[in-house]
């Protein structure tokens, strides 16, 4: 039996075109090279706290094979480290992770940036709650 803490089920994936566009237009962002997190507090269609999407711009990484590999690495890093924020996040958020680099990274680089982004996200959302 796989623990739910380390899974990334379909209902936690951000797929709504409307919501993705809204995140791009209205969302706040945090950067930790080579990743950027754009997040937006919003009601989600599914009964989950967070929905996440990964994106690698075609302009920066030309080959689809490389783009897909980078997205796989990002999903894996998110899947393993989302437990830290899942229990502490208050409210519903749509998250969009963007890859900013130009060449293929190794997993450690992605994982380090993902951990840092998730910690910064928690701090930012805590600060917003305090205001």
N, C-alpha and C. Protein backbone atom coordinates (compact mmCIF):
# COMPACT_ATOMS: atom_id res chain seq x y z
N UNK A 1 0.85 -1.20 0.00
CA UNK A 1 0.00 0.00 0.00
C UNK A 1 0.88 1.25 0.00
N UNK A 2 0.63 2.14 -0.92
CA UNK A 2 1.40 3.38 -1.02
C UNK A 2 0.79 4.42 -0.10
N UNK A 3 1.65 5.12 0.61
CA UNK A 3 1.19 6.17 1.51
C UNK A 3 0.66 7.35 0.68
N UNK A 4 -0.45 7.93 1.12
CA UNK A 4 -1.02 9.07 0.40
C UNK A 4 -0.12 10.30 0.50
N UNK A 5 0.73 10.36 1.54
CA UNK A 5 1.60 11.51 1.72
C UNK A 5 2.59 11.63 0.56
N UNK A 6 2.98 10.50 -0.03
CA UNK A 6 3.99 10.53 -1.09
C UNK A 6 3.40 10.24 -2.46
N UNK A 7 2.13 10.59 -2.66
CA UNK A 7 1.54 10.36 -3.97
C UNK A 7 1.19 11.71 -4.59
N UNK A 8 0.90 11.69 -5.85
CA UNK A 8 0.50 12.90 -6.57
C UNK A 8 -0.68 12.52 -7.46
N UNK A 9 -1.86 12.30 -6.82
CA UNK A 9 -3.03 11.81 -7.56
C UNK A 9 -3.59 12.85 -8.53
N UNK A 10 -4.43 12.37 -9.42
CA UNK A 10 -5.01 13.19 -10.47
C UNK A 10 -5.74 14.43 -9.92
N UNK A 11 -6.44 14.28 -8.81
CA UNK A 11 -7.22 15.40 -8.27
C UNK A 11 -6.33 16.53 -7.75
N UNK A 12 -5.03 16.25 -7.50
CA UNK A 12 -4.10 17.28 -7.05
C UNK A 12 -3.37 17.96 -8.21
N UNK A 13 -3.67 17.56 -9.44
CA UNK A 13 -3.01 18.16 -10.60
C UNK A 13 -3.85 19.32 -11.12
N UNK A 14 -3.20 20.40 -11.41
CA UNK A 14 -3.87 21.59 -11.92
C UNK A 14 -4.00 21.45 -13.43
N UNK A 15 -5.24 21.26 -13.91
CA UNK A 15 -5.44 21.03 -15.34
C UNK A 15 -6.38 22.05 -15.99
N UNK A 16 -7.12 22.79 -15.19
CA UNK A 16 -8.11 23.73 -15.71
C UNK A 16 -7.42 24.88 -16.46
N UNK A 17 -7.75 25.05 -17.73
CA UNK A 17 -7.16 26.13 -18.53
C UNK A 17 -7.48 27.49 -17.95
N UNK A 18 -8.74 27.67 -17.53
CA UNK A 18 -9.15 28.94 -16.93
C UNK A 18 -8.31 29.26 -15.70
N UNK A 19 -8.16 28.26 -14.84
CA UNK A 19 -7.42 28.46 -13.59
C UNK A 19 -5.94 28.70 -13.86
N UNK A 20 -5.37 28.00 -14.84
CA UNK A 20 -3.96 28.21 -15.19
C UNK A 20 -3.75 29.64 -15.70
N UNK A 21 -4.65 30.12 -16.54
CA UNK A 21 -4.54 31.49 -17.04
C UNK A 21 -4.66 32.50 -15.90
N UNK A 22 -5.58 32.22 -14.98
CA UNK A 22 -5.78 33.10 -13.83
C UNK A 22 -4.52 33.14 -12.95
N UNK A 23 -3.88 31.99 -12.75
CA UNK A 23 -2.65 31.92 -11.95
C UNK A 23 -1.57 32.77 -12.63
N UNK A 24 -1.43 32.64 -13.95
CA UNK A 24 -0.43 33.43 -14.68
C UNK A 24 -0.69 34.92 -14.54
N UNK A 25 -1.95 35.34 -14.64
CA UNK A 25 -2.28 36.76 -14.63
C UNK A 25 -2.28 37.37 -13.24
N UNK A 26 -2.85 36.67 -12.25
CA UNK A 26 -3.05 37.27 -10.93
C UNK A 26 -2.13 36.72 -9.85
N UNK A 27 -1.43 35.63 -10.14
CA UNK A 27 -0.64 34.96 -9.11
C UNK A 27 0.59 35.72 -8.66
N UNK A 28 1.05 35.37 -7.46
CA UNK A 28 2.29 35.92 -6.91
C UNK A 28 3.38 34.91 -7.18
N UNK A 29 4.63 35.38 -7.30
CA UNK A 29 5.68 34.43 -7.64
C UNK A 29 6.87 34.49 -6.69
N UNK A 30 7.57 33.36 -6.64
CA UNK A 30 8.79 33.19 -5.85
C UNK A 30 9.78 32.49 -6.77
N UNK A 31 11.04 32.91 -6.73
CA UNK A 31 12.06 32.27 -7.58
C UNK A 31 13.15 31.63 -6.73
N UNK A 32 13.59 30.48 -7.17
CA UNK A 32 14.77 29.79 -6.65
C UNK A 32 15.35 29.09 -7.85
N UNK A 33 16.35 29.68 -8.47
CA UNK A 33 16.86 29.14 -9.73
C UNK A 33 17.19 27.65 -9.58
N UNK A 34 16.77 26.82 -10.51
CA UNK A 34 16.20 27.04 -11.82
C UNK A 34 14.66 26.97 -11.86
N UNK A 35 14.00 27.13 -10.70
CA UNK A 35 12.54 27.03 -10.67
C UNK A 35 11.90 28.34 -10.24
N UNK A 36 10.66 28.52 -10.68
CA UNK A 36 9.85 29.66 -10.26
C UNK A 36 8.48 29.11 -9.89
N UNK A 37 7.96 29.56 -8.76
CA UNK A 37 6.64 29.14 -8.32
C UNK A 37 5.68 30.32 -8.44
N UNK A 38 4.59 30.11 -9.14
CA UNK A 38 3.52 31.12 -9.22
C UNK A 38 2.33 30.51 -8.50
N UNK A 39 1.82 31.22 -7.50
CA UNK A 39 0.71 30.66 -6.72
C UNK A 39 -0.43 31.66 -6.60
N UNK A 40 -1.63 31.11 -6.42
CA UNK A 40 -2.82 31.94 -6.30
C UNK A 40 -3.78 31.27 -5.33
N UNK A 41 -4.25 32.05 -4.36
CA UNK A 41 -5.26 31.54 -3.42
C UNK A 41 -6.60 31.60 -4.14
N UNK A 42 -7.23 30.44 -4.27
CA UNK A 42 -8.46 30.37 -5.05
C UNK A 42 -9.27 29.14 -4.66
N UNK A 43 -10.58 29.18 -4.79
CA UNK A 43 -11.34 27.96 -4.54
C UNK A 43 -11.03 26.94 -5.64
N UNK A 44 -10.81 25.70 -5.27
CA UNK A 44 -10.47 24.66 -6.24
C UNK A 44 -11.68 23.77 -6.52
N UNK A 45 -11.78 23.26 -7.75
CA UNK A 45 -12.91 22.41 -8.10
C UNK A 45 -12.93 21.08 -7.33
N UNK A 46 -11.77 20.55 -7.02
CA UNK A 46 -11.68 19.29 -6.27
C UNK A 46 -11.58 19.58 -4.77
N UNK A 47 -11.83 18.57 -3.97
CA UNK A 47 -11.76 18.73 -2.51
C UNK A 47 -10.33 18.51 -2.03
N UNK A 48 -9.41 19.36 -2.47
CA UNK A 48 -8.01 19.27 -2.05
C UNK A 48 -7.52 20.66 -1.64
N UNK A 49 -6.42 20.69 -0.90
CA UNK A 49 -5.86 21.96 -0.43
C UNK A 49 -5.06 22.64 -1.55
N UNK A 50 -4.26 21.83 -2.26
CA UNK A 50 -3.38 22.35 -3.30
C UNK A 50 -3.58 21.61 -4.61
N UNK A 51 -3.46 22.33 -5.71
CA UNK A 51 -3.36 21.71 -7.02
C UNK A 51 -2.12 22.29 -7.68
N UNK A 52 -1.31 21.43 -8.29
CA UNK A 52 -0.05 21.87 -8.86
C UNK A 52 0.09 21.47 -10.32
N UNK A 53 0.83 22.29 -11.06
CA UNK A 53 1.15 22.00 -12.46
C UNK A 53 2.63 22.31 -12.67
N UNK A 54 3.25 21.61 -13.61
CA UNK A 54 4.66 21.83 -13.94
C UNK A 54 4.73 22.30 -15.39
N UNK A 55 5.60 23.26 -15.67
CA UNK A 55 5.74 23.75 -17.05
C UNK A 55 7.21 24.02 -17.37
N UNK A 56 7.57 23.66 -18.60
CA UNK A 56 8.91 23.94 -19.11
C UNK A 56 8.71 24.64 -20.45
N UNK A 57 9.11 25.91 -20.56
CA UNK A 57 8.88 26.65 -21.80
C UNK A 57 9.64 26.07 -23.00
N UNK A 58 8.94 25.97 -24.11
CA UNK A 58 9.52 25.46 -25.35
C UNK A 58 10.62 26.40 -25.85
N UNK A 59 10.48 27.67 -25.52
CA UNK A 59 11.45 28.67 -25.95
C UNK A 59 12.84 28.40 -25.34
N UNK A 60 12.85 27.92 -24.10
CA UNK A 60 14.12 27.67 -23.41
C UNK A 60 14.67 26.27 -23.67
N UNK A 61 13.80 25.27 -23.68
CA UNK A 61 14.23 23.89 -23.89
C UNK A 61 13.52 23.39 -25.14
N UNK A 62 14.26 23.28 -26.23
CA UNK A 62 13.67 23.00 -27.53
C UNK A 62 13.14 21.56 -27.67
N UNK A 63 13.91 20.58 -27.21
CA UNK A 63 13.53 19.18 -27.43
C UNK A 63 12.46 18.71 -26.46
N UNK A 64 11.39 18.14 -27.00
CA UNK A 64 10.27 17.66 -26.18
C UNK A 64 10.73 16.60 -25.18
N UNK A 65 11.66 15.76 -25.59
CA UNK A 65 12.16 14.69 -24.71
C UNK A 65 12.78 15.30 -23.46
N UNK A 66 13.55 16.36 -23.65
CA UNK A 66 14.19 17.03 -22.50
C UNK A 66 13.17 17.75 -21.65
N UNK A 67 12.20 18.42 -22.29
CA UNK A 67 11.15 19.11 -21.53
C UNK A 67 10.38 18.12 -20.66
N UNK A 68 10.02 16.99 -21.24
CA UNK A 68 9.27 15.98 -20.48
C UNK A 68 10.08 15.42 -19.32
N UNK A 69 11.38 15.22 -19.53
CA UNK A 69 12.23 14.70 -18.46
C UNK A 69 12.31 15.70 -17.30
N UNK A 70 12.44 16.98 -17.64
CA UNK A 70 12.51 18.02 -16.61
C UNK A 70 11.20 18.06 -15.82
N UNK A 71 10.07 17.96 -16.54
CA UNK A 71 8.77 17.94 -15.85
C UNK A 71 8.65 16.73 -14.94
N UNK A 72 9.16 15.58 -15.39
CA UNK A 72 9.14 14.38 -14.55
C UNK A 72 9.95 14.58 -13.27
N UNK A 73 11.13 15.19 -13.41
CA UNK A 73 11.97 15.47 -12.23
C UNK A 73 11.26 16.43 -11.28
N UNK A 74 10.60 17.44 -11.83
CA UNK A 74 9.89 18.42 -11.01
C UNK A 74 8.73 17.76 -10.26
N UNK A 75 7.97 16.91 -10.97
CA UNK A 75 6.85 16.21 -10.33
C UNK A 75 7.34 15.30 -9.21
N UNK A 76 8.45 14.62 -9.45
CA UNK A 76 8.99 13.71 -8.43
C UNK A 76 9.44 14.50 -7.19
N UNK A 77 10.15 15.60 -7.39
CA UNK A 77 10.60 16.42 -6.26
C UNK A 77 9.40 16.97 -5.49
N UNK A 78 8.38 17.42 -6.21
CA UNK A 78 7.17 17.94 -5.56
C UNK A 78 6.48 16.84 -4.77
N UNK A 79 6.34 15.68 -5.39
CA UNK A 79 5.66 14.54 -4.77
C UNK A 79 6.32 14.17 -3.44
N UNK A 80 7.64 14.18 -3.41
CA UNK A 80 8.35 13.78 -2.20
C UNK A 80 8.36 14.85 -1.11
N UNK A 81 8.23 16.11 -1.49
CA UNK A 81 8.37 17.19 -0.50
C UNK A 81 7.09 17.96 -0.22
N UNK A 82 5.99 17.60 -0.88
CA UNK A 82 4.73 18.33 -0.67
C UNK A 82 4.16 18.10 0.72
N UNK A 83 4.49 16.98 1.35
CA UNK A 83 3.98 16.67 2.69
C UNK A 83 4.29 17.76 3.69
N UNK A 84 5.42 18.43 3.51
CA UNK A 84 5.83 19.50 4.43
C UNK A 84 4.86 20.67 4.41
N UNK A 85 4.26 20.95 3.25
CA UNK A 85 3.34 22.09 3.17
C UNK A 85 1.88 21.69 3.26
N UNK A 86 1.60 20.44 2.91
CA UNK A 86 0.20 20.01 2.86
C UNK A 86 -0.48 20.17 4.20
N UNK A 87 0.21 19.83 5.28
CA UNK A 87 -0.39 19.89 6.61
C UNK A 87 -0.41 21.30 7.18
N UNK A 88 0.42 22.20 6.64
CA UNK A 88 0.55 23.54 7.21
C UNK A 88 -0.15 24.62 6.41
N UNK A 89 -0.46 24.34 5.15
CA UNK A 89 -1.10 25.37 4.30
C UNK A 89 -2.54 25.60 4.75
N UNK A 90 -2.91 26.87 4.83
CA UNK A 90 -4.28 27.22 5.20
C UNK A 90 -4.92 27.87 3.99
N UNK A 91 -6.03 27.33 3.55
CA UNK A 91 -6.69 27.83 2.34
C UNK A 91 -6.35 26.96 1.15
N UNK A 92 -6.99 27.25 0.04
CA UNK A 92 -6.75 26.48 -1.19
C UNK A 92 -5.87 27.28 -2.14
N UNK A 93 -4.88 26.62 -2.70
CA UNK A 93 -3.94 27.29 -3.59
C UNK A 93 -3.76 26.52 -4.88
N UNK A 94 -3.62 27.26 -5.97
CA UNK A 94 -3.23 26.70 -7.27
C UNK A 94 -1.75 27.05 -7.42
N UNK A 95 -0.92 26.04 -7.68
CA UNK A 95 0.52 26.24 -7.80
C UNK A 95 0.96 25.93 -9.22
N UNK A 96 1.85 26.75 -9.76
CA UNK A 96 2.43 26.49 -11.07
C UNK A 96 3.94 26.60 -10.95
N UNK A 97 4.63 25.50 -11.22
CA UNK A 97 6.09 25.48 -11.16
C UNK A 97 6.63 25.63 -12.58
N UNK A 98 7.47 26.65 -12.78
CA UNK A 98 8.07 26.91 -14.09
C UNK A 98 9.56 26.63 -14.03
N UNK A 99 10.09 26.02 -15.07
CA UNK A 99 11.53 25.78 -15.15
C UNK A 99 12.16 26.94 -15.89
N UNK A 100 13.19 27.56 -15.29
CA UNK A 100 13.80 28.76 -15.88
C UNK A 100 15.14 28.50 -16.56
N UNK A 101 15.73 27.34 -16.33
CA UNK A 101 17.05 27.04 -16.88
C UNK A 101 17.02 26.80 -18.38
N UNK A 102 18.22 26.67 -18.95
CA UNK A 102 18.31 26.41 -20.39
C UNK A 102 18.79 25.01 -20.70
N UNK A 103 19.55 24.40 -19.78
CA UNK A 103 20.03 23.05 -20.05
C UNK A 103 19.41 22.07 -19.06
N UNK A 104 19.56 20.79 -19.35
CA UNK A 104 18.96 19.74 -18.52
C UNK A 104 19.63 19.69 -17.15
N UNK A 105 18.86 19.82 -16.08
CA UNK A 105 19.42 19.78 -14.73
C UNK A 105 19.51 18.34 -14.22
N UNK A 106 20.23 18.16 -13.13
CA UNK A 106 20.18 16.85 -12.48
C UNK A 106 19.13 16.92 -11.37
N UNK A 107 18.76 15.78 -10.84
CA UNK A 107 17.66 15.72 -9.87
C UNK A 107 17.97 16.53 -8.61
N UNK A 108 19.22 16.48 -8.13
CA UNK A 108 19.58 17.20 -6.89
C UNK A 108 19.33 18.70 -7.01
N UNK A 109 19.63 19.25 -8.16
CA UNK A 109 19.43 20.68 -8.41
C UNK A 109 17.93 21.03 -8.33
N UNK A 110 17.11 20.22 -8.99
CA UNK A 110 15.65 20.43 -8.98
C UNK A 110 15.11 20.24 -7.57
N UNK A 111 15.56 19.19 -6.89
CA UNK A 111 15.05 18.90 -5.55
C UNK A 111 15.38 20.02 -4.56
N UNK A 112 16.61 20.53 -4.61
CA UNK A 112 17.02 21.63 -3.73
C UNK A 112 16.17 22.87 -3.95
N UNK A 113 15.95 23.21 -5.23
CA UNK A 113 15.14 24.39 -5.56
C UNK A 113 13.69 24.16 -5.13
N UNK A 114 13.17 22.96 -5.31
CA UNK A 114 11.79 22.65 -4.95
C UNK A 114 11.59 22.78 -3.44
N UNK A 115 12.52 22.23 -2.65
CA UNK A 115 12.43 22.33 -1.18
C UNK A 115 12.41 23.80 -0.76
N UNK A 116 13.35 24.57 -1.31
CA UNK A 116 13.45 25.99 -0.96
C UNK A 116 12.17 26.74 -1.34
N UNK A 117 11.63 26.46 -2.52
CA UNK A 117 10.40 27.12 -2.97
C UNK A 117 9.22 26.79 -2.06
N UNK A 118 9.10 25.53 -1.67
CA UNK A 118 7.98 25.13 -0.82
C UNK A 118 8.08 25.78 0.56
N UNK A 119 9.31 25.90 1.09
CA UNK A 119 9.49 26.56 2.39
C UNK A 119 9.16 28.06 2.27
N UNK A 120 9.62 28.68 1.19
CA UNK A 120 9.31 30.10 0.97
C UNK A 120 7.81 30.32 0.79
N UNK A 121 7.16 29.39 0.09
CA UNK A 121 5.71 29.46 -0.11
C UNK A 121 4.99 29.46 1.24
N UNK A 122 5.43 28.58 2.15
CA UNK A 122 4.81 28.52 3.48
C UNK A 122 5.00 29.84 4.22
N UNK A 123 6.22 30.39 4.16
CA UNK A 123 6.49 31.67 4.83
C UNK A 123 5.61 32.78 4.25
N UNK A 124 5.53 32.84 2.93
CA UNK A 124 4.72 33.88 2.26
C UNK A 124 3.26 33.77 2.66
N UNK A 125 2.72 32.56 2.65
CA UNK A 125 1.30 32.40 2.97
C UNK A 125 1.05 32.67 4.46
N UNK A 126 2.03 32.35 5.31
CA UNK A 126 1.90 32.68 6.74
C UNK A 126 1.89 34.19 6.93
N UNK A 127 2.76 34.89 6.20
CA UNK A 127 2.82 36.36 6.29
C UNK A 127 1.50 36.98 5.83
N UNK A 128 0.92 36.44 4.77
CA UNK A 128 -0.36 36.97 4.26
C UNK A 128 -1.46 36.78 5.28
N UNK A 129 -1.42 35.66 5.99
CA UNK A 129 -2.44 35.39 7.00
C UNK A 129 -2.32 36.34 8.18
N UNK A 130 -1.07 36.71 8.52
CA UNK A 130 -0.84 37.60 9.67
C UNK A 130 -1.30 39.03 9.40
N UNK A 131 -1.27 39.42 8.12
CA UNK A 131 -1.64 40.81 7.76
C UNK A 131 -3.08 41.12 8.06
